[in-house]
Amino acid sequence: SLPTLSKKMFSVCLGKNGGELTFGGAPKQIKKTMKIPLTGEDGYQIKWLGIKVEKSIKLAKRKPFSIEIESPAVRLETKLYEAVIKNLDDVCQGKGKCRGEKIEENVTICYKNSTKLVPSKFLESFPTIEITLRKTKKESFRLEWKSEDYLILTRKRVFCLALLPHTRNVLGQPILKNHQIDFDLESNSISFGAK
């Protein structure tokens, strides 16, 4: 007979050089965050409160985020995408910030490392994007998206945003990378842990 799982749960961790998938529970060495309840009938969806690129972006009407580990980009509904890009542009106006030339290609925004900085120093000049996920009306969790994960090297010295406009909000691989993500089907929740 086949073994049974101890819990209706699976965990995923995506890394730069591979990852892991665990069934029936989560690895114990990972520091857990609070459980975020899943909402909606359309796959794994979570509510959110705001997005911050040094200053907060809030919309009166918010669509939930779908969790799609197979998605190669983070997608935001158009108004939210435009607000994030505007805040990023405002931050990039600061001295020593976003040390690259902005290039717009089709629907993608890229930055050329024209200063020939070492890639790690170039990426450090960009801000962290924070998404605040909602647990309850009084509890929330901030998911940090660092520039090394949202700027993808596409060709020599050109880094493009792994962020696209869309009709719905999707958390994909670039923001889920380097987090242990536990999908608890018994409690209908998801939790993030640092890897």
N, C-alpha and C. Protein backbone atom coordinates (compact mmCIF):
# COMPACT_ATOMS: atom_id res chain seq x y z
N SER A 1 0.84 -1.19 0.00
CA SER A 1 0.00 0.00 0.00
C SER A 1 0.88 1.24 0.00
N LEU A 2 0.32 2.33 -0.50
CA LEU A 2 1.06 3.59 -0.58
C LEU A 2 1.03 4.30 0.77
N PRO A 3 2.12 5.01 1.11
CA PRO A 3 2.12 5.77 2.37
C PRO A 3 1.15 6.95 2.27
N THR A 4 0.58 7.35 3.41
CA THR A 4 -0.31 8.50 3.44
C THR A 4 0.42 9.69 4.02
N LEU A 5 -0.03 10.87 3.66
CA LEU A 5 0.59 12.10 4.15
C LEU A 5 0.09 12.40 5.56
N SER A 6 0.99 12.93 6.40
CA SER A 6 0.59 13.26 7.76
C SER A 6 -0.30 14.50 7.79
N LYS A 7 -0.12 15.41 6.85
CA LYS A 7 -0.94 16.63 6.75
C LYS A 7 -1.27 16.89 5.30
N LYS A 8 -2.42 17.55 5.07
CA LYS A 8 -2.75 18.00 3.72
C LYS A 8 -2.03 19.32 3.50
N MET A 9 -0.75 19.19 3.16
CA MET A 9 0.10 20.37 3.06
C MET A 9 1.23 20.07 2.09
N PHE A 10 1.65 21.11 1.36
CA PHE A 10 2.88 20.98 0.57
C PHE A 10 3.65 22.28 0.67
N SER A 11 4.96 22.18 0.51
CA SER A 11 5.85 23.33 0.63
C SER A 11 6.71 23.42 -0.61
N VAL A 12 6.97 24.65 -1.03
CA VAL A 12 7.79 24.90 -2.21
C VAL A 12 8.84 25.93 -1.84
N CYS A 13 10.05 25.72 -2.29
CA CYS A 13 11.10 26.73 -2.15
C CYS A 13 11.81 26.82 -3.49
N LEU A 14 11.74 27.98 -4.11
CA LEU A 14 12.41 28.23 -5.38
C LEU A 14 13.71 28.96 -5.10
N GLY A 15 14.81 28.46 -5.61
CA GLY A 15 16.10 29.11 -5.43
C GLY A 15 16.70 29.47 -6.76
N LYS A 16 17.79 30.21 -6.72
CA LYS A 16 18.45 30.59 -7.96
C LYS A 16 19.03 29.38 -8.67
N ASN A 17 19.46 28.39 -7.90
CA ASN A 17 20.07 27.20 -8.50
C ASN A 17 19.30 25.94 -8.12
N GLY A 18 18.00 25.96 -8.30
CA GLY A 18 17.18 24.79 -7.98
C GLY A 18 16.14 25.13 -6.94
N GLY A 19 15.60 24.11 -6.31
CA GLY A 19 14.59 24.33 -5.30
C GLY A 19 14.18 23.01 -4.70
N GLU A 20 13.11 23.04 -3.92
CA GLU A 20 12.62 21.80 -3.32
C GLU A 20 11.11 21.84 -3.18
N LEU A 21 10.53 20.67 -3.19
CA LEU A 21 9.10 20.48 -3.04
C LEU A 21 8.92 19.41 -1.97
N THR A 22 8.13 19.72 -0.93
CA THR A 22 7.92 18.80 0.18
C THR A 22 6.43 18.54 0.32
N PHE A 23 6.03 17.28 0.46
CA PHE A 23 4.63 16.92 0.66
C PHE A 23 4.42 16.47 2.10
N GLY A 24 3.27 16.82 2.68
CA GLY A 24 2.89 16.32 4.00
C GLY A 24 3.37 17.14 5.17
N GLY A 25 4.04 18.24 4.93
CA GLY A 25 4.53 19.08 6.01
C GLY A 25 5.62 19.98 5.49
N ALA A 26 6.14 20.81 6.37
CA ALA A 26 7.18 21.75 5.98
C ALA A 26 8.46 21.43 6.73
N PRO A 27 9.62 21.70 6.12
CA PRO A 27 10.88 21.51 6.85
C PRO A 27 10.89 22.34 8.14
N LYS A 28 11.33 21.76 9.22
CA LYS A 28 11.27 22.42 10.53
C LYS A 28 12.30 23.53 10.72
N GLN A 29 13.39 23.52 9.95
CA GLN A 29 14.45 24.51 10.16
C GLN A 29 14.10 25.90 9.63
N ILE A 30 13.02 26.02 8.90
CA ILE A 30 12.62 27.29 8.31
C ILE A 30 11.85 28.12 9.34
N LYS A 31 12.23 29.39 9.48
CA LYS A 31 11.50 30.29 10.37
C LYS A 31 10.18 30.68 9.69
N LYS A 32 9.09 30.41 10.34
CA LYS A 32 7.77 30.66 9.76
C LYS A 32 7.28 32.07 10.07
N THR A 33 6.44 32.55 9.20
CA THR A 33 5.74 33.80 9.43
C THR A 33 4.29 33.43 9.72
N MET A 34 3.45 34.43 9.85
CA MET A 34 2.04 34.13 10.12
C MET A 34 1.36 33.51 8.91
N LYS A 35 0.33 32.74 9.19
CA LYS A 35 -0.46 32.14 8.11
C LYS A 35 -1.38 33.19 7.53
N ILE A 36 -1.43 33.26 6.21
CA ILE A 36 -2.31 34.18 5.50
C ILE A 36 -3.46 33.35 4.93
N PRO A 37 -4.72 33.68 5.26
CA PRO A 37 -5.83 32.88 4.74
C PRO A 37 -5.96 33.00 3.22
N LEU A 38 -6.27 31.88 2.59
CA LEU A 38 -6.53 31.88 1.15
C LEU A 38 -7.98 32.30 0.93
N THR A 39 -8.22 33.03 -0.14
CA THR A 39 -9.58 33.49 -0.44
C THR A 39 -9.93 33.09 -1.86
N GLY A 40 -11.17 33.18 -2.19
CA GLY A 40 -11.61 32.98 -3.57
C GLY A 40 -11.68 31.53 -3.99
N GLU A 41 -12.32 31.35 -5.09
CA GLU A 41 -12.52 30.02 -5.66
C GLU A 41 -11.51 29.75 -6.78
N ASP A 42 -10.81 30.77 -7.21
CA ASP A 42 -9.94 30.67 -8.38
C ASP A 42 -8.49 30.39 -7.97
N GLY A 43 -8.19 29.19 -7.54
CA GLY A 43 -6.83 28.84 -7.16
C GLY A 43 -6.42 29.42 -5.83
N TYR A 44 -5.12 29.62 -5.66
CA TYR A 44 -4.57 30.15 -4.42
C TYR A 44 -4.54 31.68 -4.49
N GLN A 45 -5.43 32.33 -3.75
CA GLN A 45 -5.49 33.79 -3.75
C GLN A 45 -5.39 34.32 -2.33
N ILE A 46 -4.73 35.48 -2.18
CA ILE A 46 -4.60 36.14 -0.88
C ILE A 46 -4.94 37.61 -1.01
N LYS A 47 -5.43 38.18 0.10
CA LYS A 47 -5.74 39.61 0.13
C LYS A 47 -4.48 40.39 0.48
N TRP A 48 -4.46 41.64 0.08
CA TRP A 48 -3.33 42.50 0.38
C TRP A 48 -3.83 43.88 0.79
N LEU A 49 -2.95 44.62 1.48
CA LEU A 49 -3.31 45.95 1.97
C LEU A 49 -2.64 47.08 1.20
N GLY A 50 -1.41 46.87 0.78
CA GLY A 50 -0.70 47.94 0.08
C GLY A 50 0.62 47.48 -0.50
N ILE A 51 1.17 48.32 -1.34
CA ILE A 51 2.50 48.11 -1.92
C ILE A 51 3.30 49.37 -1.65
N LYS A 52 4.58 49.18 -1.34
CA LYS A 52 5.42 50.32 -1.00
C LYS A 52 6.72 50.27 -1.80
N VAL A 53 7.01 51.39 -2.48
CA VAL A 53 8.30 51.60 -3.11
C VAL A 53 8.79 52.91 -2.49
N GLU A 54 9.31 52.82 -1.28
CA GLU A 54 9.69 53.93 -0.40
C GLU A 54 8.49 54.73 0.10
N LYS A 55 7.42 54.85 -0.68
CA LYS A 55 6.19 55.44 -0.16
C LYS A 55 5.04 54.53 -0.56
N SER A 56 4.00 54.54 0.24
CA SER A 56 2.91 53.58 0.07
C SER A 56 2.02 53.89 -1.12
N ILE A 57 1.52 52.83 -1.73
CA ILE A 57 0.54 52.91 -2.81
C ILE A 57 -0.69 52.19 -2.31
N LYS A 58 -1.80 52.86 -2.30
CA LYS A 58 -3.04 52.22 -1.87
C LYS A 58 -4.12 52.49 -2.89
N LEU A 59 -4.88 51.49 -3.19
CA LEU A 59 -6.00 51.63 -4.10
C LEU A 59 -7.28 51.33 -3.35
N ALA A 60 -8.34 52.06 -3.65
CA ALA A 60 -9.62 51.84 -2.97
C ALA A 60 -10.16 50.45 -3.29
N LYS A 61 -10.02 50.05 -4.52
CA LYS A 61 -10.53 48.74 -4.94
C LYS A 61 -9.34 47.85 -5.28
N ARG A 62 -9.20 46.74 -4.56
CA ARG A 62 -8.05 45.86 -4.76
C ARG A 62 -8.49 44.45 -5.13
N LYS A 63 -7.94 43.95 -6.21
CA LYS A 63 -8.15 42.55 -6.57
C LYS A 63 -7.15 41.73 -5.76
N PRO A 64 -7.51 40.51 -5.35
CA PRO A 64 -6.55 39.69 -4.59
C PRO A 64 -5.38 39.28 -5.47
N PHE A 65 -4.30 38.83 -4.83
CA PHE A 65 -3.17 38.27 -5.55
C PHE A 65 -3.36 36.78 -5.70
N SER A 66 -3.14 36.27 -6.90
CA SER A 66 -3.09 34.83 -7.13
C SER A 66 -1.64 34.40 -6.96
N ILE A 67 -1.43 33.25 -6.33
CA ILE A 67 -0.08 32.70 -6.19
C ILE A 67 0.12 31.71 -7.33
N GLU A 68 1.07 32.01 -8.21
CA GLU A 68 1.34 31.14 -9.36
C GLU A 68 2.84 30.91 -9.45
N ILE A 69 3.29 29.82 -8.85
CA ILE A 69 4.74 29.57 -8.80
C ILE A 69 5.34 29.30 -10.17
N GLU A 70 4.51 28.99 -11.16
CA GLU A 70 5.04 28.74 -12.50
C GLU A 70 5.16 30.02 -13.33
N SER A 71 4.63 31.15 -12.83
CA SER A 71 4.67 32.40 -13.59
C SER A 71 6.07 33.02 -13.54
N PRO A 72 6.66 33.36 -14.70
CA PRO A 72 8.01 33.94 -14.72
C PRO A 72 8.06 35.43 -14.36
N ALA A 73 6.90 36.03 -14.09
CA ALA A 73 6.87 37.46 -13.75
C ALA A 73 5.80 37.71 -12.69
N VAL A 74 5.89 38.87 -12.06
CA VAL A 74 4.83 39.35 -11.19
C VAL A 74 3.96 40.23 -12.07
N ARG A 75 2.66 40.05 -11.97
CA ARG A 75 1.75 40.84 -12.80
C ARG A 75 0.85 41.65 -11.87
N LEU A 76 0.62 42.91 -12.27
CA LEU A 76 -0.24 43.80 -11.49
C LEU A 76 -1.32 44.38 -12.39
N GLU A 77 -2.52 44.54 -11.82
CA GLU A 77 -3.57 45.19 -12.59
C GLU A 77 -3.04 46.56 -13.01
N THR A 78 -3.47 47.04 -14.15
CA THR A 78 -2.86 48.20 -14.81
C THR A 78 -2.71 49.42 -13.91
N LYS A 79 -3.75 49.83 -13.17
CA LYS A 79 -3.63 51.03 -12.33
C LYS A 79 -2.56 50.86 -11.26
N LEU A 80 -2.49 49.67 -10.68
CA LEU A 80 -1.49 49.39 -9.65
C LEU A 80 -0.10 49.35 -10.26
N TYR A 81 0.04 48.73 -11.41
CA TYR A 81 1.32 48.69 -12.12
C TYR A 81 1.82 50.11 -12.40
N GLU A 82 0.94 50.96 -12.92
CA GLU A 82 1.33 52.35 -13.23
C GLU A 82 1.76 53.10 -11.98
N ALA A 83 1.07 52.87 -10.86
CA ALA A 83 1.44 53.53 -9.59
C ALA A 83 2.79 53.05 -9.09
N VAL A 84 3.07 51.75 -9.21
CA VAL A 84 4.37 51.21 -8.79
C VAL A 84 5.48 51.79 -9.65
N ILE A 85 5.28 51.85 -10.97
CA ILE A 85 6.29 52.40 -11.88
C ILE A 85 6.51 53.89 -11.58
N LYS A 86 5.44 54.63 -11.29
CA LYS A 86 5.59 56.05 -10.95
C LYS A 86 6.41 56.22 -9.68
N ASN A 87 6.11 55.42 -8.63
CA ASN A 87 6.88 55.50 -7.39
C ASN A 87 8.34 55.12 -7.63
N LEU A 88 8.57 54.10 -8.44
CA LEU A 88 9.94 53.68 -8.76
C LEU A 88 10.67 54.80 -9.50
N ASP A 89 9.99 55.44 -10.46
CA ASP A 89 10.59 56.57 -11.18
C ASP A 89 10.93 57.71 -10.21
N ASP A 90 10.01 58.01 -9.27
CA ASP A 90 10.26 59.07 -8.29
C ASP A 90 11.48 58.75 -7.43
N VAL A 91 11.59 57.50 -6.97
CA VAL A 91 12.74 57.08 -6.16
C VAL A 91 14.02 57.21 -6.97
N CYS A 92 13.95 56.82 -8.24
CA CYS A 92 15.13 56.83 -9.10
C CYS A 92 15.65 58.24 -9.40
N GLN A 93 14.86 59.25 -9.12
CA GLN A 93 15.31 60.64 -9.31
C GLN A 93 16.32 61.05 -8.24
N GLY A 94 16.35 60.32 -7.11
CA GLY A 94 17.25 60.65 -6.00
C GLY A 94 18.71 60.40 -6.35
N LYS A 95 19.59 61.19 -5.74
CA LYS A 95 21.02 61.07 -6.00
C LYS A 95 21.53 59.69 -5.58
N GLY A 96 22.24 59.03 -6.48
CA GLY A 96 22.81 57.72 -6.20
C GLY A 96 21.82 56.57 -6.28
N LYS A 97 20.58 56.87 -6.65
CA LYS A 97 19.55 55.84 -6.74
C LYS A 97 19.43 55.34 -8.17
N CYS A 98 19.09 54.08 -8.34
CA CYS A 98 18.82 53.47 -9.65
C CYS A 98 19.87 53.89 -10.67
N ARG A 99 21.08 53.53 -10.42
CA ARG A 99 22.21 54.02 -11.20
C ARG A 99 22.29 53.39 -12.58
N GLY A 100 21.28 53.66 -13.37
CA GLY A 100 21.28 53.13 -14.73
C GLY A 100 20.35 53.93 -15.62
N GLU A 101 20.55 53.77 -16.89
CA GLU A 101 19.72 54.46 -17.89
C GLU A 101 18.45 53.65 -18.11
N LYS A 102 17.28 54.29 -17.97
CA LYS A 102 16.00 53.61 -18.15
C LYS A 102 15.73 53.41 -19.64
N ILE A 103 15.32 52.18 -19.98
CA ILE A 103 15.01 51.83 -21.37
C ILE A 103 13.63 51.18 -21.36
N GLU A 104 12.72 51.65 -22.20
CA GLU A 104 11.40 51.03 -22.30
C GLU A 104 11.35 50.20 -23.57
N GLU A 105 11.10 48.90 -23.42
CA GLU A 105 11.05 47.98 -24.55
C GLU A 105 9.71 47.26 -24.54
N ASN A 106 8.91 47.46 -25.57
CA ASN A 106 7.57 46.85 -25.64
C ASN A 106 6.83 47.11 -24.34
N VAL A 107 6.49 46.08 -23.58
CA VAL A 107 5.79 46.29 -22.30
C VAL A 107 6.75 46.19 -21.12
N THR A 108 8.03 46.01 -21.40
CA THR A 108 9.01 45.82 -20.33
C THR A 108 9.84 47.08 -20.12
N ILE A 109 10.14 47.34 -18.84
CA ILE A 109 11.02 48.46 -18.50
C ILE A 109 12.35 47.87 -18.05
N CYS A 110 13.42 48.40 -18.63
CA CYS A 110 14.77 47.89 -18.35
C CYS A 110 15.66 49.05 -17.90
N TYR A 111 16.79 48.67 -17.31
CA TYR A 111 17.79 49.64 -16.88
C TYR A 111 19.15 49.14 -17.36
N LYS A 112 19.88 50.04 -18.04
CA LYS A 112 21.21 49.68 -18.54
C LYS A 112 22.25 50.15 -17.54
N ASN A 113 23.12 49.24 -17.17
CA ASN A 113 24.21 49.56 -16.25
C ASN A 113 25.31 50.27 -17.05
N SER A 114 25.04 51.53 -17.42
CA SER A 114 25.97 52.29 -18.25
C SER A 114 27.17 52.79 -17.45
N THR A 115 27.08 52.74 -16.13
CA THR A 115 28.20 53.18 -15.28
C THR A 115 29.24 52.07 -15.13
N LYS A 116 28.92 50.88 -15.64
CA LYS A 116 29.80 49.71 -15.57
C LYS A 116 30.13 49.32 -14.13
N LEU A 117 29.18 49.54 -13.23
CA LEU A 117 29.34 49.08 -11.86
C LEU A 117 29.29 47.56 -11.82
N VAL A 118 29.89 46.99 -10.80
CA VAL A 118 29.74 45.55 -10.58
C VAL A 118 28.24 45.30 -10.42
N PRO A 119 27.68 44.22 -11.02
CA PRO A 119 26.24 44.00 -10.96
C PRO A 119 25.63 44.11 -9.55
N SER A 120 26.30 43.58 -8.53
CA SER A 120 25.73 43.65 -7.17
C SER A 120 25.61 45.10 -6.70
N LYS A 121 26.57 45.95 -7.00
CA LYS A 121 26.51 47.37 -6.61
C LYS A 121 25.42 48.10 -7.40
N PHE A 122 25.30 47.76 -8.67
CA PHE A 122 24.26 48.35 -9.52
C PHE A 122 22.88 48.02 -8.93
N LEU A 123 22.64 46.75 -8.62
CA LEU A 123 21.35 46.32 -8.08
C LEU A 123 21.06 46.95 -6.72
N GLU A 124 22.09 47.15 -5.89
CA GLU A 124 21.91 47.77 -4.57
C GLU A 124 21.39 49.20 -4.66
N SER A 125 21.55 49.84 -5.81
CA SER A 125 21.09 51.23 -5.95
C SER A 125 19.58 51.33 -6.16
N PHE A 126 18.91 50.19 -6.33
CA PHE A 126 17.46 50.16 -6.52
C PHE A 126 16.76 49.82 -5.21
N PRO A 127 15.55 50.37 -4.99
CA PRO A 127 14.85 50.13 -3.72
C PRO A 127 14.23 48.74 -3.62
N THR A 128 13.90 48.36 -2.40
CA THR A 128 13.13 47.14 -2.14
C THR A 128 11.66 47.49 -2.30
N ILE A 129 10.90 46.60 -2.92
CA ILE A 129 9.45 46.77 -3.05
C ILE A 129 8.81 45.89 -1.99
N GLU A 130 7.90 46.46 -1.20
CA GLU A 130 7.22 45.69 -0.15
C GLU A 130 5.74 45.53 -0.49
N ILE A 131 5.25 44.31 -0.34
CA ILE A 131 3.82 44.05 -0.51
C ILE A 131 3.30 43.61 0.85
N THR A 132 2.30 44.33 1.36
CA THR A 132 1.72 43.98 2.65
C THR A 132 0.52 43.08 2.42
N LEU A 133 0.63 41.85 2.93
CA LEU A 133 -0.42 40.85 2.79
C LEU A 133 -1.30 40.90 4.03
N ARG A 134 -2.57 40.62 3.86
CA ARG A 134 -3.54 40.75 4.95
C ARG A 134 -3.88 39.39 5.54
N LYS A 135 -3.72 39.29 6.87
CA LYS A 135 -4.18 38.09 7.57
C LYS A 135 -5.58 38.33 8.10
N THR A 136 -5.70 39.36 8.94
CA THR A 136 -7.00 39.77 9.49
C THR A 136 -7.06 41.28 9.37
N LYS A 137 -8.13 41.89 9.86
CA LYS A 137 -8.22 43.36 9.80
C LYS A 137 -7.11 44.01 10.60
N LYS A 138 -6.58 43.31 11.63
CA LYS A 138 -5.55 43.90 12.50
C LYS A 138 -4.16 43.33 12.27
N GLU A 139 -4.04 42.22 11.55
CA GLU A 139 -2.74 41.59 11.35
C GLU A 139 -2.36 41.55 9.88
N SER A 140 -1.07 41.80 9.63
CA SER A 140 -0.58 41.77 8.25
C SER A 140 0.87 41.29 8.25
N PHE A 141 1.38 41.01 7.06
CA PHE A 141 2.75 40.53 6.87
C PHE A 141 3.33 41.22 5.65
N ARG A 142 4.57 41.73 5.77
CA ARG A 142 5.24 42.38 4.65
C ARG A 142 6.15 41.40 3.92
N LEU A 143 5.91 41.26 2.64
CA LEU A 143 6.73 40.42 1.77
C LEU A 143 7.68 41.35 1.03
N GLU A 144 8.98 41.19 1.25
CA GLU A 144 9.97 42.06 0.62
C GLU A 144 10.43 41.49 -0.71
N TRP A 145 10.51 42.36 -1.70
CA TRP A 145 10.97 41.99 -3.04
C TRP A 145 12.20 42.82 -3.35
N LYS A 146 13.35 42.23 -3.24
CA LYS A 146 14.62 42.93 -3.43
C LYS A 146 14.95 43.07 -4.92
N SER A 147 15.73 44.10 -5.23
CA SER A 147 16.06 44.39 -6.63
C SER A 147 16.78 43.23 -7.31
N GLU A 148 17.56 42.46 -6.57
CA GLU A 148 18.25 41.32 -7.18
C GLU A 148 17.28 40.26 -7.69
N ASP A 149 16.01 40.32 -7.20
CA ASP A 149 14.99 39.38 -7.65
C ASP A 149 14.00 40.00 -8.64
N TYR A 150 13.82 41.34 -8.61
CA TYR A 150 12.88 41.93 -9.57
C TYR A 150 13.56 42.50 -10.81
N LEU A 151 14.88 42.60 -10.79
CA LEU A 151 15.62 43.01 -11.99
C LEU A 151 16.38 41.80 -12.52
N ILE A 152 16.07 41.41 -13.74
CA ILE A 152 16.62 40.20 -14.35
C ILE A 152 17.60 40.60 -15.46
N LEU A 153 18.81 40.07 -15.41
CA LEU A 153 19.79 40.33 -16.46
C LEU A 153 19.32 39.65 -17.74
N THR A 154 19.05 40.46 -18.77
CA THR A 154 18.54 39.91 -20.03
C THR A 154 19.60 39.90 -21.14
N ARG A 155 20.53 40.81 -21.06
CA ARG A 155 21.67 40.84 -21.98
C ARG A 155 22.76 41.67 -21.31
N LYS A 156 23.89 41.79 -21.96
CA LYS A 156 25.04 42.44 -21.35
C LYS A 156 24.69 43.80 -20.73
N ARG A 157 24.82 43.88 -19.43
CA ARG A 157 24.60 45.09 -18.62
C ARG A 157 23.19 45.66 -18.69
N VAL A 158 22.19 44.89 -19.14
CA VAL A 158 20.80 45.35 -19.19
C VAL A 158 19.96 44.46 -18.29
N PHE A 159 19.30 45.10 -17.30
CA PHE A 159 18.44 44.41 -16.35
C PHE A 159 17.00 44.87 -16.57
N CYS A 160 16.08 43.92 -16.73
CA CYS A 160 14.68 44.26 -16.97
C CYS A 160 13.81 43.88 -15.78
N LEU A 161 12.76 44.70 -15.56
CA LEU A 161 11.82 44.43 -14.47
C LEU A 161 11.05 43.14 -14.74
N ALA A 162 10.94 42.31 -13.72
CA ALA A 162 10.12 41.09 -13.81
C ALA A 162 8.72 41.45 -13.32
N LEU A 163 8.19 42.52 -13.87
CA LEU A 163 6.91 43.09 -13.47
C LEU A 163 6.19 43.55 -14.73
N LEU A 164 4.95 43.10 -14.87
CA LEU A 164 4.19 43.41 -16.09
C LEU A 164 2.78 43.87 -15.75
N PRO A 165 2.20 44.73 -16.61
CA PRO A 165 0.79 45.09 -16.42
C PRO A 165 -0.10 43.93 -16.85
N HIS A 166 -1.26 43.82 -16.19
CA HIS A 166 -2.15 42.70 -16.46
C HIS A 166 -3.56 43.08 -16.02
N THR A 167 -4.50 42.20 -16.25
CA THR A 167 -5.88 42.44 -15.80
C THR A 167 -6.09 41.97 -14.36
N ARG A 168 -5.14 41.17 -13.82
CA ARG A 168 -5.25 40.71 -12.45
C ARG A 168 -3.88 40.72 -11.79
N ASN A 169 -3.85 40.52 -10.48
CA ASN A 169 -2.61 40.53 -9.72
C ASN A 169 -2.11 39.11 -9.53
N VAL A 170 -0.82 38.88 -9.87
CA VAL A 170 -0.23 37.55 -9.77
C VAL A 170 1.15 37.66 -9.11
N LEU A 171 1.34 36.90 -8.03
CA LEU A 171 2.67 36.76 -7.44
C LEU A 171 3.32 35.55 -8.11
N GLY A 172 4.39 35.79 -8.86
CA GLY A 172 5.08 34.72 -9.59
C GLY A 172 6.46 34.46 -9.03
N GLN A 173 7.24 33.69 -9.77
CA GLN A 173 8.56 33.25 -9.33
C GLN A 173 9.48 34.35 -8.82
N PRO A 174 9.57 35.50 -9.47
CA PRO A 174 10.55 36.49 -9.03
C PRO A 174 10.36 36.96 -7.57
N ILE A 175 9.14 37.03 -7.08
CA ILE A 175 8.93 37.45 -5.69
C ILE A 175 8.88 36.26 -4.74
N LEU A 176 8.54 35.08 -5.25
CA LEU A 176 8.44 33.90 -4.40
C LEU A 176 9.80 33.23 -4.19
N LYS A 177 10.76 33.56 -5.05
CA LYS A 177 12.10 32.98 -4.97
C LYS A 177 12.73 33.26 -3.60
N ASN A 178 13.45 32.29 -3.10
CA ASN A 178 14.17 32.39 -1.82
C ASN A 178 13.26 32.48 -0.60
N HIS A 179 12.01 32.06 -0.75
CA HIS A 179 11.08 31.93 0.38
C HIS A 179 10.59 30.49 0.44
N GLN A 180 10.44 29.98 1.63
CA GLN A 180 9.76 28.70 1.81
C GLN A 180 8.28 29.04 1.85
N ILE A 181 7.49 28.47 0.96
CA ILE A 181 6.06 28.78 0.90
C ILE A 181 5.30 27.51 1.24
N ASP A 182 4.51 27.59 2.30
CA ASP A 182 3.75 26.44 2.76
C ASP A 182 2.28 26.62 2.39
N PHE A 183 1.74 25.67 1.67
CA PHE A 183 0.33 25.67 1.30
C PHE A 183 -0.36 24.66 2.21
N ASP A 184 -1.11 25.16 3.18
CA ASP A 184 -1.80 24.30 4.15
C ASP A 184 -3.25 24.14 3.71
N LEU A 185 -3.57 22.99 3.15
CA LEU A 185 -4.91 22.76 2.61
C LEU A 185 -5.93 22.48 3.72
N GLU A 186 -5.46 22.06 4.91
CA GLU A 186 -6.37 21.80 6.02
C GLU A 186 -6.91 23.11 6.59
N SER A 187 -6.02 24.10 6.76
CA SER A 187 -6.47 25.38 7.31
C SER A 187 -6.75 26.41 6.22
N ASN A 188 -6.62 26.00 4.94
CA ASN A 188 -6.86 26.89 3.80
C ASN A 188 -6.05 28.18 3.93
N SER A 189 -4.73 28.01 4.14
CA SER A 189 -3.86 29.16 4.34
C SER A 189 -2.51 28.93 3.66
N ILE A 190 -1.74 30.01 3.62
CA ILE A 190 -0.40 29.98 3.05
C ILE A 190 0.51 30.73 4.03
N SER A 191 1.75 30.29 4.15
CA SER A 191 2.69 31.03 4.98
C SER A 191 4.03 31.10 4.26
N PHE A 192 4.77 32.15 4.55
CA PHE A 192 6.07 32.40 3.93
C PHE A 192 7.13 32.31 5.01
N GLY A 193 8.26 31.72 4.69
CA GLY A 193 9.38 31.68 5.60
C GLY A 193 10.64 32.02 4.83
N ALA A 194 11.59 32.64 5.52
CA ALA A 194 12.85 32.99 4.88
C ALA A 194 13.70 31.74 4.73
N LYS A 195 14.34 31.60 3.61
CA LYS A 195 15.20 30.43 3.36
C LYS A 195 16.64 30.83 3.57
